[in-house]
């Protein structure tokens, strides 16, 4: 039995909570279309690709679907999340989207990040999650807000919640949890707010943390 009824997944940096056994979306915080249009208008002159995601679709937004092609690295990224990247224009886009991303090589993403207007930091939640990826989502929607909402839905107190992370996009989640645990290979920024540390990814740090902080109570 791979999925149990009390298993949930928080995805898209906290914009979606899904029940794993039925794939039912419990909570979703969609991104307004006008906001997507604002980010697209800003990004269209850069060479980095502009992407949109929800739980079912992974789109590369392009003004010319005929001429555009999807970079092999981007196809690879789609395979990683088990969703092929589809080409579409903003005009034909339908449905709710929860996250926008700029994808490119490090220099291309550096260029986009350096040009972000100050008001974007006011209006959006922005995370450079990888060298090649800049994620822009709805303000005040993150892994931390989703974690606390899920805990509330399940009747679990904040101080009974543990979160384990290693990247800067885990910051809000680590801060929100009663017990924020950071991996040995985590970023310095994250380590600055850690309540506890665990081993690195290579050394099964998650299993180590579960044994140390969760299972010890069950002995």
Protein backbone atom coordinates (compact mmCIF):
# COMPACT_ATOMS: atom_id res chain seq x y z
CA UNK A 1 0.00 0.00 0.00
CA UNK A 2 1.91 3.03 -1.25
CA UNK A 3 -0.50 5.82 -0.27
CA UNK A 4 -2.47 5.98 2.94
CA UNK A 5 -5.58 8.10 3.48
CA UNK A 6 -3.80 10.28 6.02
CA UNK A 7 -0.93 11.14 3.68
CA UNK A 8 -0.87 14.58 2.06
CA UNK A 9 1.50 16.31 -0.30
CA UNK A 10 2.23 20.04 -0.27
CA UNK A 11 3.47 21.02 -3.72
CA UNK A 12 4.20 24.01 -5.96
CA UNK A 13 5.97 25.82 -3.12
CA UNK A 14 2.89 25.62 -0.94
CA UNK A 15 0.16 26.56 -3.41
CA UNK A 16 -1.46 23.11 -3.51
CA UNK A 17 -2.26 20.47 -0.87
CA UNK A 18 -3.26 17.08 -2.28
CA UNK A 19 -4.49 13.93 -0.55
CA UNK A 20 -2.23 11.18 -1.88
CA UNK A 21 -4.55 8.18 -2.03
CA UNK A 22 -7.37 9.87 -3.99
CA UNK A 23 -5.31 12.68 -5.63
CA UNK A 24 -8.02 15.03 -4.33
CA UNK A 25 -6.90 18.65 -4.04
CA UNK A 26 -7.69 19.71 -0.48
CA UNK A 27 -6.50 23.32 -0.71
CA UNK A 28 -5.32 25.43 -3.65
CA UNK A 29 -4.20 29.04 -3.85
CA UNK A 30 -4.26 30.02 -7.55
CA UNK A 31 -2.29 32.84 -9.07
CA UNK A 32 -4.39 35.62 -10.64
CA UNK A 33 -4.19 35.82 -14.44
CA UNK A 34 -3.34 39.56 -14.39
CA UNK A 35 -0.35 38.82 -12.18
CA UNK A 36 0.88 36.17 -14.60
CA UNK A 37 0.49 38.70 -17.43
CA UNK A 38 2.51 41.29 -15.47
CA UNK A 39 5.40 38.87 -14.93
CA UNK A 40 5.26 37.70 -18.55
CA UNK A 41 5.40 41.30 -19.82
CA UNK A 42 8.48 41.91 -17.67
CA UNK A 43 10.20 38.70 -18.81
CA UNK A 44 9.50 38.61 -22.51
CA UNK A 45 12.68 40.47 -23.53
CA UNK A 46 14.98 38.04 -21.70
CA UNK A 47 16.40 34.87 -23.22
CA UNK A 48 15.33 32.76 -20.22
CA UNK A 49 12.15 30.75 -20.79
CA UNK A 50 8.92 31.67 -19.00
CA UNK A 51 7.08 28.71 -17.50
CA UNK A 52 3.75 28.12 -15.76
CA UNK A 53 2.68 25.21 -13.60
CA UNK A 54 -0.30 23.71 -11.87
CA UNK A 55 -0.85 20.12 -10.74
CA UNK A 56 -1.67 18.83 -14.23
CA UNK A 57 0.26 21.04 -16.64
CA UNK A 58 3.73 22.38 -17.20
CA UNK A 59 3.71 25.08 -19.88
CA UNK A 60 6.34 27.13 -21.62
CA UNK A 61 4.69 30.40 -22.62
CA UNK A 62 5.73 31.73 -25.98
CA UNK A 63 4.45 34.42 -28.36
CA UNK A 64 4.99 32.09 -31.33
CA UNK A 65 4.12 28.43 -30.83
CA UNK A 66 5.20 27.56 -34.39
CA UNK A 67 8.73 28.93 -34.10
CA UNK A 68 9.44 28.03 -30.47
CA UNK A 69 11.27 24.92 -29.37
CA UNK A 70 11.75 23.41 -25.94
CA UNK A 71 15.34 23.11 -24.75
CA UNK A 72 16.44 19.53 -23.95
CA UNK A 73 17.31 20.60 -20.37
CA UNK A 74 13.76 21.89 -19.97
CA UNK A 75 12.30 18.63 -21.31
CA UNK A 76 14.48 16.91 -18.73
CA UNK A 77 13.03 19.11 -15.99
CA UNK A 78 9.54 18.11 -17.17
CA UNK A 79 10.48 14.43 -17.00
CA UNK A 80 11.76 14.96 -13.45
CA UNK A 81 8.33 16.21 -12.35
CA UNK A 82 6.63 13.60 -14.57
CA UNK A 83 4.93 16.21 -16.75
CA UNK A 84 5.93 16.89 -20.35
CA UNK A 85 6.47 20.58 -21.08
CA UNK A 86 3.82 21.92 -23.44
CA UNK A 87 4.02 25.06 -25.56
CA UNK A 88 1.23 27.59 -25.40
CA UNK A 89 0.56 31.31 -25.62
CA UNK A 90 -0.84 33.39 -22.78
CA UNK A 91 -3.92 34.21 -24.86
CA UNK A 92 -4.99 30.56 -25.16
CA UNK A 93 -4.23 29.64 -21.56
CA UNK A 94 -7.12 28.33 -19.46
CA UNK A 95 -7.51 27.15 -15.89
CA UNK A 96 -5.77 27.96 -12.63
CA UNK A 97 -2.00 28.24 -12.35
CA UNK A 98 -0.11 28.37 -9.11
CA UNK A 99 3.48 29.15 -10.03
CA UNK A 100 5.50 30.97 -12.68
CA UNK A 101 9.17 30.29 -13.34
CA UNK A 102 12.07 31.56 -15.38
CA UNK A 103 14.30 28.78 -16.68
CA UNK A 104 17.72 29.11 -18.28
CA UNK A 105 21.42 28.80 -17.66
CA UNK A 106 22.90 30.50 -14.58
CA UNK A 107 23.85 33.68 -16.47
CA UNK A 108 20.37 34.02 -17.99
CA UNK A 109 18.69 33.68 -14.59
CA UNK A 110 21.21 36.07 -13.00
CA UNK A 111 20.15 38.60 -15.64
CA UNK A 112 16.43 38.17 -14.90
CA UNK A 113 16.98 38.31 -11.14
CA UNK A 114 19.09 41.47 -11.36
CA UNK A 115 16.36 43.20 -13.37
CA UNK A 116 13.43 42.33 -11.08
CA UNK A 117 11.61 45.55 -10.19
CA UNK A 118 11.39 46.41 -6.49
CA UNK A 119 7.59 46.26 -6.67
CA UNK A 120 7.81 42.56 -7.63
CA UNK A 121 9.31 41.85 -4.22
CA UNK A 122 6.33 43.66 -2.69
CA UNK A 123 3.74 41.92 -4.84
CA UNK A 124 5.07 38.38 -5.20
CA UNK A 125 6.88 35.60 -3.40
CA UNK A 126 10.24 35.17 -5.19
CA UNK A 127 12.70 32.30 -4.75
CA UNK A 128 15.88 31.43 -6.67
CA UNK A 129 15.41 27.72 -5.99
CA UNK A 130 18.21 26.56 -8.32
CA UNK A 131 20.96 28.27 -10.32
CA UNK A 132 18.82 27.68 -13.41
CA UNK A 133 15.42 28.45 -11.87
CA UNK A 134 13.76 31.59 -10.51
CA UNK A 135 10.29 30.95 -9.09
CA UNK A 136 7.69 33.68 -8.70
CA UNK A 137 4.49 32.84 -6.85
CA UNK A 138 1.62 34.50 -5.07
CA UNK A 139 2.55 36.60 -2.04
CA UNK A 140 1.95 35.02 1.35
CA UNK A 141 1.60 31.56 -0.18
CA UNK A 142 4.53 29.32 0.68
CA UNK A 143 5.41 25.94 2.16
CA UNK A 144 5.03 27.42 5.64
CA UNK A 145 1.51 28.79 5.19
CA UNK A 146 0.45 25.50 3.57
CA UNK A 147 2.00 23.44 6.35
CA UNK A 148 0.13 25.41 9.03
CA UNK A 149 -3.14 25.21 7.05
CA UNK A 150 -2.78 21.42 6.70
CA UNK A 151 -2.00 21.10 10.42
CA UNK A 152 -5.10 23.18 11.19
CA UNK A 153 -7.25 21.03 8.86
CA UNK A 154 -5.97 17.91 10.62
CA UNK A 155 -6.32 19.36 14.12
CA UNK A 156 -2.58 19.23 14.82
CA UNK A 157 -0.97 21.92 16.99
CA UNK A 158 1.92 23.91 15.55
CA UNK A 159 4.33 22.69 18.22
CA UNK A 160 3.61 19.10 17.12
CA UNK A 161 4.76 19.84 13.56
CA UNK A 162 8.28 19.04 12.37
CA UNK A 163 9.66 20.23 9.04
CA UNK A 164 12.93 19.17 7.42
CA UNK A 165 14.55 21.19 4.62
CA UNK A 166 17.77 22.11 2.86
CA UNK A 167 17.03 24.94 0.40
CA UNK A 168 16.10 28.62 0.65
CA UNK A 169 12.60 27.83 -0.62
CA UNK A 170 12.17 25.78 2.59
CA UNK A 171 12.75 28.88 4.76
CA UNK A 172 9.09 29.66 5.50
CA UNK A 173 8.33 26.01 6.21
CA UNK A 174 11.24 25.66 8.66
CA UNK A 175 10.17 28.91 10.34
CA UNK A 176 6.51 27.83 10.56
CA UNK A 177 7.11 24.41 12.10
CA UNK A 178 7.30 23.90 15.84
CA UNK A 179 10.49 21.95 15.16
CA UNK A 180 12.46 23.17 12.14
CA UNK A 181 15.23 20.75 11.19
CA UNK A 182 17.86 21.66 8.59
CA UNK A 183 20.05 19.22 6.66
CA UNK A 184 23.83 19.39 7.02
CA UNK A 185 23.99 20.29 3.30
CA UNK A 186 21.40 23.07 3.77
CA UNK A 187 22.03 26.72 2.93
CA UNK A 188 23.60 29.06 5.48
CA UNK A 189 20.44 31.20 5.50
CA UNK A 190 18.39 28.17 6.48
CA UNK A 191 20.84 27.07 9.16
CA UNK A 192 20.41 30.50 10.72
CA UNK A 193 16.82 29.65 11.78
CA UNK A 194 17.22 25.91 12.43
CA UNK A 195 16.05 24.60 15.77
CA UNK A 196 17.93 21.36 15.10
CA UNK A 197 20.37 19.97 12.52
CA UNK A 198 20.46 16.55 10.90
CA UNK A 199 22.83 14.69 8.57
CA UNK A 200 23.17 15.47 4.86
CA UNK A 201 21.06 14.05 2.00
CA UNK A 202 23.86 11.57 1.25
CA UNK A 203 23.76 10.33 4.85
CA UNK A 204 20.00 9.72 5.10
CA UNK A 205 19.46 12.89 7.12
CA UNK A 206 15.65 12.71 6.88
CA UNK A 207 15.53 9.16 8.27
CA UNK A 208 18.00 10.19 10.97
CA UNK A 209 15.79 13.15 11.99
CA UNK A 210 12.64 10.98 12.06
CA UNK A 211 14.35 8.43 14.28
CA UNK A 212 15.80 11.08 16.57
CA UNK A 213 12.82 13.43 16.98
CA UNK A 214 9.71 11.37 16.14
CA UNK A 215 10.29 7.68 16.80
CA UNK A 216 12.07 8.30 20.11
CA UNK A 217 8.65 9.18 21.53
CA UNK A 218 7.24 5.87 20.33
CA UNK A 219 9.86 3.65 22.00
